[in-house]
Amino acid sequence: PSRPPRKGRSLELLVKRIKEHQSPGATIRSPEFVPDKDTGQPREVDVGIRVPRNGDLVFIAVECRDRGSV
């Protein structure tokens, strides 16, 4: 028995697909778990993007929110 996708998942997947087309060499994970800089515990971000630039990896974290009002 599969459960319904969680709220906001379609937006996360859309962001992931857009980024894949913008940077074909990027590594993209959704969701992504990264260590908290203070506690070292894993923290979830909606989309994690790692893009190679000048011999280094640039990490971009994307959080998706669906708000009814400003």
PDB file of N, CA and C in Angstrom:
ATOM      1  N   PRO A   1       0.836  -1.197   0.000  1.00  0.00           N
ATOM      2  CA  PRO A   1       0.000   0.000   0.000  1.00  0.00           C
ATOM      3  C   PRO A   1       0.876   1.254   0.000  1.00  0.00           C
ATOM      4  N   SER A   2       0.778   2.030  -1.062  1.00  0.00           N
ATOM      5  CA  SER A   2       1.577   3.249  -1.115  1.00  0.00           C
ATOM      6  C   SER A   2       0.792   4.409  -0.526  1.00  0.00           C
ATOM      7  N   ARG A   3       1.521   5.318   0.080  1.00  0.00           N
ATOM      8  CA  ARG A   3       0.862   6.477   0.665  1.00  0.00           C
ATOM      9  C   ARG A   3       0.886   7.623  -0.350  1.00  0.00           C
ATOM     10  N   PRO A   4      -0.030   8.563  -0.242  1.00  0.00           N
ATOM     11  CA  PRO A   4      -0.045   9.671  -1.202  1.00  0.00           C
ATOM     12  C   PRO A   4       1.198  10.537  -1.028  1.00  0.00           C
ATOM     13  N   PRO A   5       1.654  11.185  -2.118  1.00  0.00           N
ATOM     14  CA  PRO A   5       2.835  12.036  -1.993  1.00  0.00           C
ATOM     15  C   PRO A   5       2.571  13.166  -1.006  1.00  0.00           C
ATOM     16  N   ARG A   6       3.617  13.543  -0.273  1.00  0.00           N
ATOM     17  CA  ARG A   6       3.430  14.599   0.718  1.00  0.00           C
ATOM     18  C   ARG A   6       3.221  15.933   0.026  1.00  0.00           C
ATOM     19  N   LYS A   7       2.555  16.829   0.726  1.00  0.00           N
ATOM     20  CA  LYS A   7       2.237  18.141   0.182  1.00  0.00           C
ATOM     21  C   LYS A   7       3.528  18.866  -0.204  1.00  0.00           C
ATOM     22  N   GLY A   8       3.556  19.455  -1.381  1.00  0.00           N
ATOM     23  CA  GLY A   8       4.721  20.189  -1.841  1.00  0.00           C
ATOM     24  C   GLY A   8       5.698  19.363  -2.660  1.00  0.00           C
ATOM     25  N   ARG A   9       5.516  18.053  -2.705  1.00  0.00           N
ATOM     26  CA  ARG A   9       6.464  17.194  -3.419  1.00  0.00           C
ATOM     27  C   ARG A   9       6.508  17.514  -4.911  1.00  0.00           C
ATOM     28  N   SER A  10       5.374  17.841  -5.519  1.00  0.00           N
ATOM     29  CA  SER A  10       5.371  18.148  -6.949  1.00  0.00           C
ATOM     30  C   SER A  10       6.223  19.384  -7.245  1.00  0.00           C
ATOM     31  N   LEU A  11       6.206  20.379  -6.352  1.00  0.00           N
ATOM     32  CA  LEU A  11       7.046  21.564  -6.536  1.00  0.00           C
ATOM     33  C   LEU A  11       8.525  21.202  -6.404  1.00  0.00           C
ATOM     34  N   GLU A  12       8.868  20.364  -5.458  1.00  0.00           N
ATOM     35  CA  GLU A  12      10.257  19.922  -5.304  1.00  0.00           C
ATOM     36  C   GLU A  12      10.744  19.242  -6.581  1.00  0.00           C
ATOM     37  N   LEU A  13       9.920  18.366  -7.147  1.00  0.00           N
ATOM     38  CA  LEU A  13      10.317  17.641  -8.354  1.00  0.00           C
ATOM     39  C   LEU A  13      10.448  18.580  -9.547  1.00  0.00           C
ATOM     40  N   LEU A  14       9.598  19.601  -9.617  1.00  0.00           N
ATOM     41  CA  LEU A  14       9.703  20.580 -10.687  1.00  0.00           C
ATOM     42  C   LEU A  14      11.027  21.339 -10.588  1.00  0.00           C
ATOM     43  N   VAL A  15      11.394  21.789  -9.414  1.00  0.00           N
ATOM     44  CA  VAL A  15      12.665  22.488  -9.218  1.00  0.00           C
ATOM     45  C   VAL A  15      13.818  21.574  -9.609  1.00  0.00           C
ATOM     46  N   LYS A  16      13.751  20.324  -9.209  1.00  0.00           N
ATOM     47  CA  LYS A  16      14.806  19.357  -9.541  1.00  0.00           C
ATOM     48  C   LYS A  16      14.957  19.228 -11.060  1.00  0.00           C
ATOM     49  N   ARG A  17      13.848  19.089 -11.781  1.00  0.00           N
ATOM     50  CA  ARG A  17      13.915  18.939 -13.243  1.00  0.00           C
ATOM     51  C   ARG A  17      14.483  20.192 -13.909  1.00  0.00           C
ATOM     52  N   ILE A  18      14.089  21.370 -13.435  1.00  0.00           N
ATOM     53  CA  ILE A  18      14.610  22.614 -14.006  1.00  0.00           C
ATOM     54  C   ILE A  18      16.118  22.684 -13.826  1.00  0.00           C
ATOM     55  N   LYS A  19      16.600  22.394 -12.636  1.00  0.00           N
ATOM     56  CA  LYS A  19      18.034  22.464 -12.365  1.00  0.00           C
ATOM     57  C   LYS A  19      18.809  21.434 -13.180  1.00  0.00           C
ATOM     58  N   GLU A  20      18.240  20.261 -13.402  1.00  0.00           N
ATOM     59  CA  GLU A  20      18.923  19.248 -14.208  1.00  0.00           C
ATOM     60  C   GLU A  20      19.161  19.755 -15.631  1.00  0.00           C
ATOM     61  N   HIS A  21      18.210  20.507 -16.168  1.00  0.00           N
ATOM     62  CA  HIS A  21      18.359  21.023 -17.522  1.00  0.00           C
ATOM     63  C   HIS A  21      19.304  22.213 -17.572  1.00  0.00           C
ATOM     64  N   GLN A  22      19.419  22.967 -16.492  1.00  0.00           N
ATOM     65  CA  GLN A  22      20.309  24.124 -16.474  1.00  0.00           C
ATOM     66  C   GLN A  22      21.771  23.709 -16.325  1.00  0.00           C
ATOM     67  N   SER A  23      22.051  22.717 -15.529  1.00  0.00           N
ATOM     68  CA  SER A  23      23.427  22.285 -15.256  1.00  0.00           C
ATOM     69  C   SER A  23      23.522  20.773 -15.389  1.00  0.00           C
ATOM     70  N   PRO A  24      23.741  20.275 -16.613  1.00  0.00           N
ATOM     71  CA  PRO A  24      23.793  18.823 -16.800  1.00  0.00           C
ATOM     72  C   PRO A  24      24.853  18.120 -15.954  1.00  0.00           C
ATOM     73  N   GLY A  25      25.935  18.802 -15.560  1.00  0.00           N
ATOM     74  CA  GLY A  25      26.983  18.181 -14.753  1.00  0.00           C
ATOM     75  C   GLY A  25      26.682  18.189 -13.267  1.00  0.00           C
ATOM     76  N   ALA A  26      25.551  18.750 -12.888  1.00  0.00           N
ATOM     77  CA  ALA A  26      25.206  18.874 -11.471  1.00  0.00           C
ATOM     78  C   ALA A  26      24.708  17.548 -10.904  1.00  0.00           C
ATOM     79  N   THR A  27      24.950  17.352  -9.611  1.00  0.00           N
ATOM     80  CA  THR A  27      24.369  16.236  -8.871  1.00  0.00           C
ATOM     81  C   THR A  27      23.204  16.811  -8.072  1.00  0.00           C
ATOM     82  N   ILE A  28      22.021  16.254  -8.296  1.00  0.00           N
ATOM     83  CA  ILE A  28      20.816  16.808  -7.687  1.00  0.00           C
ATOM     84  C   ILE A  28      20.096  15.707  -6.925  1.00  0.00           C
ATOM     85  N   ARG A  29      19.764  15.987  -5.666  1.00  0.00           N
ATOM     86  CA  ARG A  29      19.038  15.013  -4.837  1.00  0.00           C
ATOM     87  C   ARG A  29      17.835  15.699  -4.207  1.00  0.00           C
ATOM     88  N   SER A  30      16.748  14.961  -4.153  1.00  0.00           N
ATOM     89  CA  SER A  30      15.540  15.490  -3.528  1.00  0.00           C
ATOM     90  C   SER A  30      14.796  14.341  -2.869  1.00  0.00           C
ATOM     91  N   PRO A  31      14.655  14.377  -1.558  1.00  0.00           N
ATOM     92  CA  PRO A  31      15.245  15.342  -0.641  1.00  0.00           C
ATOM     93  C   PRO A  31      16.729  15.064  -0.439  1.00  0.00           C
ATOM     94  N   GLU A  32      17.401  16.019   0.182  1.00  0.00           N
ATOM     95  CA  GLU A  32      18.830  15.922   0.483  1.00  0.00           C
ATOM     96  C   GLU A  32      19.005  16.082   1.989  1.00  0.00           C
ATOM     97  N   PHE A  33      19.919  15.333   2.553  1.00  0.00           N
ATOM     98  CA  PHE A  33      20.218  15.453   3.985  1.00  0.00           C
ATOM     99  C   PHE A  33      21.650  15.948   4.139  1.00  0.00           C
ATOM    100  N   VAL A  34      21.802  17.046   4.854  1.00  0.00           N
ATOM    101  CA  VAL A  34      23.126  17.649   5.060  1.00  0.00           C
ATOM    102  C   VAL A  34      23.358  17.800   6.557  1.00  0.00           C
ATOM    103  N   PRO A  35      24.615  17.736   6.997  1.00  0.00           N
ATOM    104  CA  PRO A  35      24.881  17.883   8.423  1.00  0.00           C
ATOM    105  C   PRO A  35      24.646  19.323   8.895  1.00  0.00           C
ATOM    106  N   ASP A  36      23.974  19.460  10.025  1.00  0.00           N
ATOM    107  CA  ASP A  36      23.771  20.769  10.645  1.00  0.00           C
ATOM    108  C   ASP A  36      25.125  21.306  11.071  1.00  0.00           C
ATOM    109  N   LYS A  37      25.414  22.584  10.775  1.00  0.00           N
ATOM    110  CA  LYS A  37      26.753  23.112  11.074  1.00  0.00           C
ATOM    111  C   LYS A  37      27.025  23.228  12.567  1.00  0.00           C
ATOM    112  N   ASP A  38      25.984  23.307  13.397  1.00  0.00           N
ATOM    113  CA  ASP A  38      26.188  23.412  14.842  1.00  0.00           C
ATOM    114  C   ASP A  38      26.173  22.054  15.542  1.00  0.00           C
ATOM    115  N   THR A  39      25.221  21.187  15.175  1.00  0.00           N
ATOM    116  CA  THR A  39      25.059  19.922  15.899  1.00  0.00           C
ATOM    117  C   THR A  39      25.656  18.719  15.177  1.00  0.00           C
ATOM    118  N   GLY A  40      25.854  18.857  13.839  1.00  0.00           N
ATOM    119  CA  GLY A  40      26.342  17.723  13.065  1.00  0.00           C
ATOM    120  C   GLY A  40      25.253  16.717  12.714  1.00  0.00           C
ATOM    121  N   GLN A  41      24.033  16.934  13.226  1.00  0.00           N
ATOM    122  CA  GLN A  41      22.912  16.031  12.944  1.00  0.00           C
ATOM    123  C   GLN A  41      22.399  16.265  11.524  1.00  0.00           C
ATOM    124  N   PRO A  42      21.890  15.213  10.859  1.00  0.00           N
ATOM    125  CA  PRO A  42      21.363  15.394   9.502  1.00  0.00           C
ATOM    126  C   PRO A  42      20.137  16.310   9.496  1.00  0.00           C
ATOM    127  N   ARG A  43      20.115  17.232   8.539  1.00  0.00           N
ATOM    128  CA  ARG A  43      18.992  18.139   8.338  1.00  0.00           C
ATOM    129  C   ARG A  43      18.481  17.936   6.921  1.00  0.00           C
ATOM    130  N   GLU A  44      17.179  17.978   6.737  1.00  0.00           N
ATOM    131  CA  GLU A  44      16.604  17.786   5.409  1.00  0.00           C
ATOM    132  C   GLU A  44      16.409  19.128   4.707  1.00  0.00           C
ATOM    133  N   VAL A  45      16.827  19.178   3.433  1.00  0.00           N
ATOM    134  CA  VAL A  45      16.465  20.276   2.549  1.00  0.00           C
ATOM    135  C   VAL A  45      15.694  19.658   1.386  1.00  0.00           C
ATOM    136  N   ASP A  46      14.801  20.427   0.771  1.00  0.00           N
ATOM    137  CA  ASP A  46      13.940  19.869  -0.269  1.00  0.00           C
ATOM    138  C   ASP A  46      14.713  19.415  -1.497  1.00  0.00           C
ATOM    139  N   VAL A  47      15.656  20.237  -1.947  1.00  0.00           N
ATOM    140  CA  VAL A  47      16.481  19.884  -3.103  1.00  0.00           C
ATOM    141  C   VAL A  47      17.912  20.299  -2.799  1.00  0.00           C
ATOM    142  N   GLY A  48      18.851  19.390  -2.995  1.00  0.00           N
ATOM    143  CA  GLY A  48      20.273  19.703  -2.844  1.00  0.00           C
ATOM    144  C   GLY A  48      20.946  19.601  -4.202  1.00  0.00           C
ATOM    145  N   ILE A  49      21.696  20.634  -4.569  1.00  0.00           N
ATOM    146  CA  ILE A  49      22.347  20.685  -5.879  1.00  0.00           C
ATOM    147  C   ILE A  49      23.841  20.893  -5.651  1.00  0.00           C
ATOM    148  N   ARG A  50      24.647  20.045  -6.263  1.00  0.00           N
ATOM    149  CA  ARG A  50      26.102  20.202  -6.221  1.00  0.00           C
ATOM    150  C   ARG A  50      26.592  20.407  -7.644  1.00  0.00           C
ATOM    151  N   VAL A  51      27.224  21.555  -7.876  1.00  0.00           N
ATOM    152  CA  VAL A  51      27.670  21.932  -9.215  1.00  0.00           C
ATOM    153  C   VAL A  51      29.189  22.086  -9.206  1.00  0.00           C
ATOM    154  N   PRO A  52      29.906  21.374 -10.093  1.00  0.00           N
ATOM    155  CA  PRO A  52      31.355  21.554 -10.162  1.00  0.00           C
ATOM    156  C   PRO A  52      31.709  22.920 -10.761  1.00  0.00           C
ATOM    157  N   ARG A  53      32.597  23.651 -10.075  1.00  0.00           N
ATOM    158  CA  ARG A  53      33.055  24.960 -10.541  1.00  0.00           C
ATOM    159  C   ARG A  53      34.523  25.146 -10.178  1.00  0.00           C
ATOM    160  N   ASN A  54      35.364  25.293 -11.167  1.00  0.00           N
ATOM    161  CA  ASN A  54      36.788  25.568 -10.951  1.00  0.00           C
ATOM    162  C   ASN A  54      37.452  24.574  -9.995  1.00  0.00           C
ATOM    163  N   GLY A  55      37.145  23.299 -10.129  1.00  0.00           N
ATOM    164  CA  GLY A  55      37.763  22.277  -9.300  1.00  0.00           C
ATOM    165  C   GLY A  55      37.118  22.068  -7.941  1.00  0.00           C
ATOM    166  N   ASP A  56      36.138  22.870  -7.596  1.00  0.00           N
ATOM    167  CA  ASP A  56      35.413  22.726  -6.326  1.00  0.00           C
ATOM    168  C   ASP A  56      33.972  22.354  -6.611  1.00  0.00           C
ATOM    169  N   LEU A  57      33.249  21.987  -5.548  1.00  0.00           N
ATOM    170  CA  LEU A  57      31.809  21.752  -5.663  1.00  0.00           C
ATOM    171  C   LEU A  57      31.073  22.880  -4.955  1.00  0.00           C
ATOM    172  N   VAL A  58      30.148  23.491  -5.654  1.00  0.00           N
ATOM    173  CA  VAL A  58      29.285  24.510  -5.060  1.00  0.00           C
ATOM    174  C   VAL A  58      28.003  23.799  -4.638  1.00  0.00           C
ATOM    175  N   PHE A  59      27.593  23.985  -3.380  1.00  0.00           N
ATOM    176  CA  PHE A  59      26.368  23.358  -2.878  1.00  0.00           C
ATOM    177  C   PHE A  59      25.274  24.401  -2.788  1.00  0.00           C
ATOM    178  N   ILE A  60      24.113  24.082  -3.376  1.00  0.00           N
ATOM    179  CA  ILE A  60      22.944  24.959  -3.334  1.00  0.00           C
ATOM    180  C   ILE A  60      21.812  24.169  -2.698  1.00  0.00           C
ATOM    181  N   ALA A  61      21.208  24.725  -1.651  1.00  0.00           N
ATOM    182  CA  ALA A  61      20.064  24.096  -0.993  1.00  0.00           C
ATOM    183  C   ALA A  61      18.817  24.879  -1.370  1.00  0.00           C
ATOM    184  N   VAL A  62      17.757  24.166  -1.760  1.00  0.00           N
ATOM    185  CA  VAL A  62      16.495  24.805  -2.132  1.00  0.00           C
ATOM    186  C   VAL A  62      15.409  24.307  -1.197  1.00  0.00           C
ATOM    187  N   GLU A  63      14.692  25.220  -0.603  1.00  0.00           N
ATOM    188  CA  GLU A  63      13.540  24.900   0.237  1.00  0.00           C
ATOM    189  C   GLU A  63      12.294  25.357  -0.508  1.00  0.00           C
ATOM    190  N   CYS A  64      11.297  24.488  -0.596  1.00  0.00           N
ATOM    191  CA  CYS A  64      10.059  24.799  -1.314  1.00  0.00           C
ATOM    192  C   CYS A  64       8.938  25.053  -0.315  1.00  0.00           C
ATOM    193  N   ARG A  65       8.210  26.138  -0.535  1.00  0.00           N
ATOM    194  CA  ARG A  65       7.069  26.465   0.322  1.00  0.00           C
ATOM    195  C   ARG A  65       5.880  26.792  -0.546  1.00  0.00           C
ATOM    196  N   ASP A  66       4.726  26.382  -0.127  1.00  0.00           N
ATOM    197  CA  ASP A  66       3.484  26.705  -0.822  1.00  0.00           C
ATOM    198  C   ASP A  66       2.657  27.543   0.140  1.00  0.00           C
ATOM    199  N   ARG A  67       2.624  28.839  -0.089  1.00  0.00           N
ATOM    200  CA  ARG A  67       1.907  29.733   0.804  1.00  0.00           C
ATOM    201  C   ARG A  67       0.680  30.302   0.115  1.00  0.00           C
ATOM    202  N   GLY A  68      -0.391  30.379   0.844  1.00  0.00           N
ATOM    203  CA  GLY A  68      -1.625  30.925   0.294  1.00  0.00           C
ATOM    204  C   GLY A  68      -1.621  32.427   0.223  1.00  0.00           C
ATOM    205  N   SER A  69      -0.803  33.081   1.023  1.00  0.00           N
ATOM    206  CA  SER A  69      -0.746  34.543   1.019  1.00  0.00           C
ATOM    207  C   SER A  69       0.682  34.991   1.266  1.00  0.00           C
ATOM    208  N   VAL A  70       0.922  36.268   1.044  1.00  0.00           N
ATOM    209  CA  VAL A  70       2.265  36.833   1.209  1.00  0.00           C
ATOM    210  C   VAL A  70       2.600  36.916   2.682  1.00  0.00           C
TER     211      VAL A  70
END
